[in-house]
Amino acid sequence: MSAFDDPFDPDIELGRAGCSCGRHSSEAEHVMDEEARIGRVIESALIRALFPHDSTRRNFIRAVGTGTALAAISTFFPLSAVQALAAERRPLEKPDLKIGFIPISCATPIIMAGPMGFYSREGLNVSLLKTAGWAVVRDKVLDKEYDAAHMLSPMPLAISLGLGSQPQRMKVAEIQNINGQAITLHVKHRDKLDPRQWKGLKFGLPFDYSMHNLLLRYFLAEYGLDPDHDVELRIMSPPDMVANLRAGNIDGFLGPEPFNQRAVYEGIGYIHTLSRDIWDGHPCCAFGVPESFIKSYPNTYAALFRALASATDYAHKPQNRADIIKAIAPANYLNQPIPVLEQVMTGHFADGLGHVRNVPDRIDFDPFPWQSMAVWMLTQLQRWGYLKGEVNYRLVAEQVFLATDASKRLKEMGLPAPAANYTSYTIMGRTFDPARPEQYMKSFKIKRA
């Protein structure tokens, strides 16, 4: 049986035993249906409270329609807030949680939600566990030592498909950060500003199944370099990248913050290209949750989603960054100097080449798990030979990235959510249309597939 047979077999996914009541395809769909039912009860109760007499109520609804009536009521009595409050009052099946994270800026919402009270407001007692590397995070989630974890956004796709591990159904509940990475080179390579000069160089990457790997490969190939033959790519933990750059073990890295800025801070490296200049708005890290957790603890999952969505929305606002920096800087979290984090989080930074740059969206935070992002990742995993054979891009994306669920939950919280789950992107001048992934794949000259 191939890696595709089990995780994405529609007969399995849409079986009668998909949820606790047996009427839905999954526990997430069951919870959404229950939430919709509660919402309808709340709406009905409000209308009855405002119009206690049956004839008056019916005449009003008959005159304006149910939708208009609810919209009018919402102007002075926010239904979404009441519905969210109703959801919050559901008893949590498992309030004590263990969540793993890697000490990088991408984990900001997951980390800050602890000291800044976002978890506790939802009744959650979360132990945040700093972890050495991405393979360790993956294994601890698979072994159920962690309930959920900070993950690189391609990791839940890889885990679900059995790439690099035994397959287990993993979901992307939310994206944590967008942008926030860079290509950093050793200062001895100041004369190599043209990537065509990088043949023979050694680059550090945090994990095979990472946006860092996919973006660096994409970048190199656009400059005519084959990433598997013209350069050497080495996997290493993000906190080890600066030390390896200093020791000369690598010539550069495409890595997460704050390590690009830390290399500049220590006078070892310079920032060559921000990842936003490769693909502005690209995803990086995500909140990965096993499907089994969502099925077993739906109320806890809903509370966890609210906590992290609220934290991500808070982190998105520049005026909150100063307080966030103080919360995430200590040794038990990022263990970084405040000036380094300030340069990352404000986008006002020294680049190591004698310039001070101002890029406010150097890093940003947006929780929506676009399924079009997942399709792009799948094309690149296939392009470079990680994913073999034919791929139903859309099916896999929709199984792993919970965009529809996220949209509904965000709207109930009063947070913005897109009207669709797919959109197109421009990456180094090349347009990606998620409706035509095969055509996109054929457009590349340098590829393994």
Protein backbone atom coordinates (compact mmCIF):
# COMPACT_ATOMS: atom_id res chain seq x y z
CA MET A 1 0.00 0.00 0.00
CA SER A 2 1.37 3.41 -0.95
CA ALA A 3 1.52 6.43 1.36
CA PHE A 4 -1.51 7.78 -0.49
CA ASP A 5 -3.78 4.80 0.07
CA ASP A 6 -4.58 5.24 3.76
CA PRO A 7 -4.41 8.94 4.63
CA PHE A 8 -6.51 10.07 1.68
CA ASP A 9 -8.83 7.19 0.91
CA PRO A 10 -12.24 8.90 0.53
CA ASP A 11 -14.04 5.76 1.67
CA ILE A 12 -12.12 5.88 4.93
CA GLU A 13 -12.36 9.61 5.42
CA LEU A 14 -16.07 9.74 4.63
CA GLY A 15 -17.05 6.57 6.50
CA ARG A 16 -20.00 6.38 8.86
CA ALA A 17 -17.70 6.26 11.86
CA GLY A 18 -16.14 9.61 10.98
CA CYS A 19 -17.57 11.32 14.10
CA SER A 20 -19.04 10.50 17.48
CA CYS A 21 -22.67 10.56 16.26
CA GLY A 22 -21.99 8.71 12.99
CA ARG A 23 -23.74 11.30 10.82
CA HIS A 24 -20.72 13.37 9.74
CA SER A 25 -17.57 12.69 7.74
CA SER A 26 -15.27 13.85 10.54
CA GLU A 27 -15.36 15.04 14.15
CA ALA A 28 -14.47 18.55 12.97
CA GLU A 29 -17.58 18.56 10.75
CA HIS A 30 -19.63 17.22 13.67
CA VAL A 31 -18.41 20.08 15.89
CA MET A 32 -19.10 22.66 13.18
CA ASP A 33 -22.65 21.30 12.79
CA GLU A 34 -23.17 21.45 16.54
CA GLU A 35 -21.86 25.01 16.61
CA ALA A 36 -24.23 25.96 13.79
CA ARG A 37 -27.13 24.40 15.72
CA ILE A 38 -26.18 26.34 18.87
CA GLY A 39 -25.94 29.49 16.77
CA ARG A 40 -29.46 28.94 15.45
CA VAL A 41 -30.76 28.41 18.99
CA ILE A 42 -29.11 31.63 20.15
CA GLU A 43 -30.51 33.58 17.21
CA SER A 44 -33.99 32.20 17.82
CA ALA A 45 -33.82 32.99 21.53
CA LEU A 46 -32.76 36.58 20.85
CA ILE A 47 -35.60 37.20 18.41
CA ARG A 48 -38.11 35.68 20.85
CA ALA A 49 -36.74 37.82 23.68
CA LEU A 50 -37.06 41.00 21.62
CA PHE A 51 -40.48 40.06 20.23
CA PRO A 52 -42.17 37.95 22.90
CA HIS A 53 -45.58 37.99 21.21
CA ASP A 54 -45.86 35.40 18.43
CA SER A 55 -47.92 37.54 16.08
CA THR A 56 -45.60 40.55 16.37
CA ARG A 57 -42.53 38.39 15.85
CA ARG A 58 -43.97 36.63 12.82
CA ASN A 59 -45.16 39.85 11.22
CA PHE A 60 -41.72 41.41 11.68
CA ILE A 61 -39.89 38.44 10.14
CA ARG A 62 -42.44 38.18 7.34
CA ALA A 63 -41.93 41.88 6.54
CA VAL A 64 -38.12 42.02 6.51
CA GLY A 65 -36.95 38.39 6.26
CA THR A 66 -34.88 36.38 8.75
CA GLY A 67 -31.51 37.49 7.38
CA THR A 68 -32.37 41.19 7.56
CA ALA A 69 -33.83 40.76 11.03
CA LEU A 70 -30.64 39.13 12.33
CA ALA A 71 -28.47 41.74 10.62
CA ALA A 72 -30.48 44.52 12.27
CA ILE A 73 -30.24 42.87 15.68
CA SER A 74 -26.48 42.35 15.23
CA THR A 75 -25.93 46.12 14.89
CA PHE A 76 -26.67 46.57 18.59
CA PHE A 77 -26.29 42.99 19.88
CA PRO A 78 -23.31 41.15 18.31
CA LEU A 79 -24.48 37.60 17.65
CA SER A 80 -20.97 36.33 16.87
CA ALA A 81 -19.78 37.41 20.30
CA VAL A 82 -22.68 35.64 22.00
CA GLN A 83 -22.10 32.49 19.96
CA ALA A 84 -18.39 32.54 20.78
CA LEU A 85 -19.28 32.98 24.46
CA ALA A 86 -21.57 29.97 24.27
CA ALA A 87 -18.77 27.92 22.75
CA GLU A 88 -16.36 29.03 25.46
CA ARG A 89 -18.65 27.67 28.16
CA ARG A 90 -18.44 24.12 26.92
CA PRO A 91 -16.48 21.96 29.34
CA LEU A 92 -12.94 21.23 28.21
CA GLU A 93 -12.18 17.53 27.90
CA LYS A 94 -8.45 18.07 28.45
CA PRO A 95 -7.45 21.47 29.88
CA ASP A 96 -3.83 20.46 30.61
CA LEU A 97 -1.83 20.39 27.37
CA LYS A 98 1.77 19.93 26.24
CA ILE A 99 2.76 21.92 23.18
CA GLY A 100 6.21 21.77 21.61
CA PHE A 101 7.99 24.65 19.93
CA ILE A 102 11.30 25.52 18.32
CA PRO A 103 12.83 28.76 19.71
CA ILE A 104 12.38 30.95 16.64
CA SER A 105 10.36 34.09 15.89
CA CYS A 106 7.87 32.07 13.83
CA ALA A 107 6.57 30.56 17.09
CA THR A 108 5.65 33.99 18.45
CA PRO A 109 1.86 33.40 18.77
CA ILE A 110 2.31 29.97 20.35
CA ILE A 111 4.90 31.28 22.83
CA MET A 112 3.33 34.63 23.74
CA ALA A 113 -0.07 32.99 24.31
CA GLY A 114 1.44 31.58 27.52
CA PRO A 115 2.93 34.55 29.38
CA MET A 116 0.39 37.00 27.91
CA GLY A 117 -2.60 34.98 29.09
CA PHE A 118 -4.25 33.90 25.83
CA TYR A 119 -4.35 30.23 26.89
CA SER A 120 -5.55 30.85 30.43
CA ARG A 121 -8.43 33.02 29.20
CA GLU A 122 -9.73 29.95 27.40
CA GLY A 123 -9.38 27.77 30.49
CA LEU A 124 -6.27 26.04 29.18
CA ASN A 125 -3.19 25.16 31.19
CA VAL A 126 -0.49 24.82 28.53
CA SER A 127 3.07 23.61 29.13
CA LEU A 128 5.28 25.11 26.41
CA LEU A 129 8.16 22.75 25.73
CA LYS A 130 11.25 24.07 23.98
CA THR A 131 12.50 21.41 21.56
CA ALA A 132 15.86 20.90 19.87
CA GLY A 133 14.83 20.25 16.26
CA TRP A 134 12.01 19.57 13.84
CA ALA A 135 12.45 15.80 13.67
CA VAL A 136 12.18 15.70 17.47
CA VAL A 137 8.98 17.80 17.35
CA ARG A 138 7.50 15.45 14.77
CA ASP A 139 8.41 12.30 16.70
CA LYS A 140 7.07 13.62 20.00
CA VAL A 141 3.74 14.47 18.40
CA LEU A 142 3.57 11.07 16.71
CA ASP A 143 4.39 9.37 20.03
CA LYS A 144 1.70 11.50 21.77
CA GLU A 145 4.24 13.08 24.12
CA TYR A 146 3.00 16.42 22.76
CA ASP A 147 -0.68 17.12 22.22
CA ALA A 148 0.11 19.51 19.36
CA ALA A 149 3.07 21.54 18.18
CA HIS A 150 4.61 24.42 16.35
CA MET A 151 5.45 22.92 12.94
CA LEU A 152 6.90 24.00 9.65
CA SER A 153 3.87 24.37 7.37
CA PRO A 154 4.89 21.53 4.99
CA MET A 155 5.37 19.12 7.92
CA PRO A 156 1.69 18.14 8.41
CA LEU A 157 1.51 17.40 4.67
CA ALA A 158 4.64 15.24 4.89
CA ILE A 159 3.45 13.43 8.05
CA SER A 160 0.01 12.76 6.57
CA LEU A 161 1.60 11.34 3.42
CA GLY A 162 4.19 9.28 5.28
CA LEU A 163 7.18 11.27 3.99
CA GLY A 164 10.07 10.77 6.41
CA SER A 165 7.89 9.00 8.98
CA GLN A 166 5.02 6.59 9.37
CA PRO A 167 1.84 8.23 8.02
CA GLN A 168 -0.46 9.79 10.58
CA ARG A 169 -3.29 12.17 9.86
CA MET A 170 -2.10 15.64 10.81
CA LYS A 171 -3.95 18.90 10.36
CA VAL A 172 -2.90 22.52 9.90
CA ALA A 173 -5.28 24.34 12.21
CA GLU A 174 -3.71 27.74 11.62
CA ILE A 175 -0.72 29.37 9.98
CA GLN A 176 1.45 31.11 12.56
CA ASN A 177 3.58 33.52 10.57
CA ILE A 178 4.09 34.81 7.07
CA ASN A 179 7.44 36.07 5.71
CA GLY A 180 10.07 36.21 8.47
CA GLN A 181 12.99 34.29 6.89
CA ALA A 182 16.10 35.33 4.98
CA ILE A 183 19.12 34.12 3.05
CA THR A 184 22.19 35.03 5.08
CA LEU A 185 25.78 34.65 3.84
CA HIS A 186 29.09 34.79 5.67
CA VAL A 187 30.70 38.23 5.49
CA LYS A 188 33.61 36.72 3.57
CA HIS A 189 31.18 36.38 0.66
CA ARG A 190 30.38 40.10 0.43
CA ASP A 191 31.60 40.00 -3.15
CA LYS A 192 29.06 37.29 -4.10
CA LEU A 193 25.89 39.36 -4.31
CA ASP A 194 24.95 37.65 -7.59
CA PRO A 195 23.51 34.20 -6.76
CA ARG A 196 25.01 32.88 -10.01
CA GLN A 197 28.35 33.06 -8.13
CA TRP A 198 27.20 30.64 -5.44
CA LYS A 199 28.18 27.43 -7.19
CA GLY A 200 30.01 25.18 -4.72
CA LEU A 201 28.77 26.96 -1.59
CA LYS A 202 27.34 25.12 1.41
CA PHE A 203 23.96 26.22 2.83
CA GLY A 204 22.22 25.34 6.06
CA LEU A 205 18.51 24.51 6.19
CA PRO A 206 16.34 23.56 9.18
CA PHE A 207 14.50 20.56 7.69
CA ASP A 208 13.72 18.81 4.42
CA TYR A 209 9.99 19.45 4.81
CA SER A 210 10.28 23.19 5.33
CA MET A 211 9.45 26.35 3.44
CA HIS A 212 13.12 27.22 3.89
CA ASN A 213 14.17 24.24 1.79
CA LEU A 214 11.48 24.83 -0.83
CA LEU A 215 12.14 28.57 -1.09
CA LEU A 216 15.94 28.21 -1.29
CA ARG A 217 15.65 25.54 -3.97
CA TYR A 218 13.19 27.72 -5.90
CA PHE A 219 15.48 30.76 -5.58
CA LEU A 220 18.61 28.91 -6.70
CA ALA A 221 16.85 27.29 -9.65
CA GLU A 222 15.53 30.66 -10.85
CA TYR A 223 19.18 31.75 -11.05
CA GLY A 224 20.12 28.64 -13.01
CA LEU A 225 21.67 26.61 -10.17
CA ASP A 226 20.67 23.02 -9.53
CA PRO A 227 20.23 22.80 -5.73
CA ASP A 228 21.16 19.11 -5.68
CA HIS A 229 24.32 19.43 -7.77
CA ASP A 230 25.64 22.99 -7.84
CA VAL A 231 25.51 23.67 -4.08
CA GLU A 232 25.52 21.57 -0.91
CA LEU A 233 22.50 21.67 1.38
CA ARG A 234 22.92 20.65 5.01
CA ILE A 235 20.14 20.10 7.55
CA MET A 236 20.73 21.62 10.99
CA SER A 237 18.75 23.00 13.91
CA PRO A 238 18.06 26.75 13.58
CA PRO A 239 19.91 27.61 16.82
CA ASP A 240 23.04 25.92 15.36
CA MET A 241 23.11 27.96 12.16
CA VAL A 242 25.06 30.96 13.47
CA ALA A 243 27.68 28.74 15.16
CA ASN A 244 28.13 26.72 11.95
CA LEU A 245 28.46 29.93 9.94
CA ARG A 246 31.10 31.22 12.36
CA ALA A 247 33.01 27.91 12.24
CA GLY A 248 33.03 27.89 8.42
CA ASN A 249 31.01 24.69 8.19
CA ILE A 250 28.52 26.50 5.95
CA ASP A 251 28.77 29.56 3.72
CA GLY A 252 25.22 30.68 4.36
CA PHE A 253 21.73 29.59 5.29
CA LEU A 254 18.11 30.22 4.57
CA GLY A 255 16.78 30.18 8.07
CA PRO A 256 14.21 31.59 10.45
CA GLU A 257 14.56 34.67 12.54
CA PRO A 258 16.09 35.75 14.75
CA PHE A 259 19.16 33.89 13.52
CA ASN A 260 19.66 35.92 10.36
CA GLN A 261 19.70 39.07 12.45
CA ARG A 262 21.79 37.37 15.12
CA ALA A 263 24.47 36.63 12.50
CA VAL A 264 24.55 40.34 11.63
CA TYR A 265 24.52 41.28 15.34
CA GLU A 266 27.60 39.14 15.90
CA GLY A 267 29.38 40.48 12.81
CA ILE A 268 29.52 37.06 11.13
CA GLY A 269 26.99 37.36 8.31
CA TYR A 270 25.00 39.68 6.11
CA ILE A 271 21.38 39.46 5.00
CA HIS A 272 21.35 38.88 1.26
CA THR A 273 17.62 38.36 0.54
CA LEU A 274 14.55 38.53 2.75
CA SER A 275 12.13 35.69 2.05
CA ARG A 276 9.37 38.26 1.44
CA ASP A 277 11.37 39.32 -1.61
CA ILE A 278 11.07 35.79 -2.98
CA TRP A 279 7.35 35.44 -2.19
CA ASP A 280 5.67 38.26 -0.32
CA GLY A 281 3.17 36.79 2.13
CA HIS A 282 4.49 33.24 2.00
CA PRO A 283 3.61 30.93 4.89
CA CYS A 284 6.33 29.62 7.13
CA CYS A 285 5.25 27.93 10.34
CA ALA A 286 1.93 26.47 11.35
CA PHE A 287 0.11 24.99 14.31
CA GLY A 288 -0.01 21.25 13.71
CA VAL A 289 -2.66 19.12 15.44
CA PRO A 290 -3.21 15.37 15.10
CA GLU A 291 -6.64 14.51 13.71
CA SER A 292 -7.07 12.14 16.65
CA PHE A 293 -6.76 15.08 19.08
CA ILE A 294 -9.48 17.04 17.28
CA LYS A 295 -11.79 14.01 17.34
CA SER A 296 -11.12 13.16 20.98
CA TYR A 297 -11.17 16.68 22.42
CA PRO A 298 -13.34 18.91 20.20
CA ASN A 299 -14.09 21.49 22.92
CA THR A 300 -10.44 21.71 23.90
CA TYR A 301 -9.48 22.07 20.25
CA ALA A 302 -11.99 24.92 19.83
CA ALA A 303 -10.53 26.71 22.87
CA LEU A 304 -6.99 26.17 21.61
CA PHE A 305 -7.93 27.57 18.20
CA ARG A 306 -9.45 30.67 19.79
CA ALA A 307 -6.40 31.24 21.98
CA LEU A 308 -3.95 31.02 19.09
CA ALA A 309 -6.09 32.94 16.60
CA SER A 310 -6.41 35.75 19.13
CA ALA A 311 -2.66 35.71 19.80
CA THR A 312 -1.88 35.71 16.07
CA ASP A 313 -4.22 38.64 15.47
CA TYR A 314 -2.61 40.49 18.39
CA ALA A 315 0.88 39.84 17.01
CA HIS A 316 -0.20 41.15 13.59
CA LYS A 317 -0.63 44.67 15.02
CA PRO A 318 2.69 46.60 15.05
CA GLN A 319 1.73 48.57 18.18
CA ASN A 320 1.79 45.33 20.20
CA ARG A 321 5.24 44.17 19.16
CA ALA A 322 7.19 45.87 21.99
CA ASP A 323 5.24 43.99 24.67
CA ILE A 324 5.48 40.76 22.69
CA ILE A 325 9.26 41.06 22.42
CA LYS A 326 9.55 41.30 26.21
CA ALA A 327 7.35 38.22 26.59
CA ILE A 328 9.24 35.96 24.15
CA ALA A 329 12.86 37.08 24.75
CA PRO A 330 13.59 35.22 28.05
CA ALA A 331 15.78 32.12 28.23
CA ASN A 332 12.88 29.67 28.54
CA TYR A 333 11.56 30.92 25.18
CA LEU A 334 13.79 32.48 22.47
CA ASN A 335 16.75 33.41 24.69
CA GLN A 336 17.73 36.33 22.45
CA PRO A 337 18.94 39.90 23.02
CA ILE A 338 16.15 42.48 22.88
CA PRO A 339 17.91 44.56 20.15
CA VAL A 340 17.99 41.51 17.84
CA LEU A 341 14.27 40.83 18.31
CA GLU A 342 13.42 44.50 17.90
CA GLN A 343 15.11 44.59 14.50
CA VAL A 344 13.24 41.47 13.42
CA MET A 345 9.82 42.43 14.74
CA THR A 346 9.86 46.09 13.68
CA GLY A 347 11.59 45.58 10.32
CA HIS A 348 14.06 48.41 11.04
CA PHE A 349 17.36 46.57 10.84
CA ALA A 350 21.04 46.55 9.92
CA ASP A 351 21.75 44.21 7.00
CA GLY A 352 25.45 43.56 7.68
CA LEU A 353 26.55 45.44 4.54
CA GLY A 354 26.55 48.87 6.15
CA HIS A 355 22.90 49.66 5.40
CA VAL A 356 19.95 50.19 7.72
CA ARG A 357 16.75 48.99 6.09
CA ASN A 358 13.12 49.63 6.92
CA VAL A 359 10.81 46.74 5.94
CA PRO A 360 7.77 46.79 8.26
CA ASP A 361 6.42 43.48 6.91
CA ARG A 362 9.70 41.64 7.31
CA ILE A 363 7.69 39.31 9.53
CA ASP A 364 3.94 39.22 9.97
CA PHE A 365 1.28 36.98 11.46
CA ASP A 366 -1.87 35.69 9.76
CA PRO A 367 -3.75 32.59 10.97
CA PHE A 368 -5.63 31.62 7.80
CA PRO A 369 -4.45 28.23 6.39
CA TRP A 370 -4.89 28.84 2.66
CA GLN A 371 -5.31 25.55 0.80
CA SER A 372 -3.63 27.15 -2.22
CA MET A 373 -0.47 27.40 -0.09
CA ALA A 374 -0.66 23.66 0.51
CA VAL A 375 -1.02 22.99 -3.22
CA TRP A 376 2.12 25.05 -3.91
CA MET A 377 4.07 23.10 -1.27
CA LEU A 378 2.96 19.81 -2.80
CA THR A 379 4.13 20.90 -6.27
CA GLN A 380 7.56 21.72 -4.86
CA LEU A 381 7.84 18.51 -2.83
CA GLN A 382 7.07 16.66 -6.04
CA ARG A 383 9.38 18.86 -8.10
CA TRP A 384 12.38 17.92 -5.98
CA GLY A 385 11.59 14.22 -5.63
CA TYR A 386 10.32 14.09 -2.06
CA LEU A 387 6.86 13.14 -3.28
CA LYS A 388 6.68 10.37 -5.85
CA GLY A 389 3.99 9.52 -8.38
CA GLU A 390 0.75 11.28 -9.22
CA VAL A 391 -0.72 13.60 -6.62
CA ASN A 392 -4.27 14.77 -6.14
CA TYR A 393 -3.11 18.20 -4.99
CA ARG A 394 -6.53 19.56 -4.14
CA LEU A 395 -7.68 16.53 -2.18
CA VAL A 396 -4.51 16.43 -0.07
CA ALA A 397 -4.60 20.19 0.54
CA GLU A 398 -8.21 20.07 1.68
CA GLN A 399 -7.62 17.06 3.92
CA VAL A 400 -4.70 18.67 5.78
CA PHE A 401 -5.24 22.45 5.73
CA LEU A 402 -8.47 23.15 7.64
CA ALA A 403 -9.36 26.35 5.81
CA THR A 404 -13.14 25.95 5.86
CA ASP A 405 -13.14 25.17 9.57
CA ALA A 406 -10.74 28.08 10.28
CA SER A 407 -12.87 30.51 8.27
CA LYS A 408 -15.97 29.66 10.26
CA ARG A 409 -14.20 29.91 13.60
CA LEU A 410 -12.48 33.20 12.73
CA LYS A 411 -15.77 34.77 11.66
CA GLU A 412 -17.40 33.67 14.91
CA MET A 413 -14.58 35.43 16.78
CA GLY A 414 -15.10 38.59 14.75
CA LEU A 415 -11.74 38.19 13.02
CA PRO A 416 -11.24 38.56 9.26
CA ALA A 417 -11.42 35.48 7.06
CA PRO A 418 -11.18 35.24 3.26
CA ALA A 419 -14.25 34.40 1.20
CA ALA A 420 -12.41 31.54 -0.57
CA ASN A 421 -9.78 28.93 0.37
CA TYR A 422 -7.66 29.34 -2.76
CA THR A 423 -5.85 32.26 -4.37
CA SER A 424 -3.00 32.75 -6.84
CA TYR A 425 0.52 33.95 -5.98
CA THR A 426 3.44 35.62 -7.69
CA ILE A 427 6.77 34.07 -6.75
CA MET A 428 9.87 35.68 -8.25
CA GLY A 429 7.77 36.96 -11.13
CA ARG A 430 6.21 33.57 -11.90
CA THR A 431 2.45 33.21 -11.38
CA PHE A 432 1.14 30.20 -9.49
CA ASP A 433 -2.48 29.30 -10.18
CA PRO A 434 -3.62 26.60 -7.72
CA ALA A 435 -6.20 25.42 -10.26
CA ARG A 436 -3.40 24.47 -12.69
CA PRO A 437 -0.64 22.83 -10.63
CA GLU A 438 0.35 20.39 -13.39
CA GLN A 439 0.90 23.26 -15.83
CA TYR A 440 2.98 25.03 -13.18
CA MET A 441 5.14 21.94 -12.70
CA LYS A 442 5.80 21.68 -16.43
CA SER A 443 7.07 25.27 -16.52
CA PHE A 444 10.25 24.49 -14.56
CA LYS A 445 13.46 23.68 -16.39
CA ILE A 446 15.33 22.49 -13.28
CA LYS A 447 13.51 19.75 -11.37
CA ARG A 448 13.79 16.10 -10.29
CA ALA A 449 10.25 15.00 -11.16
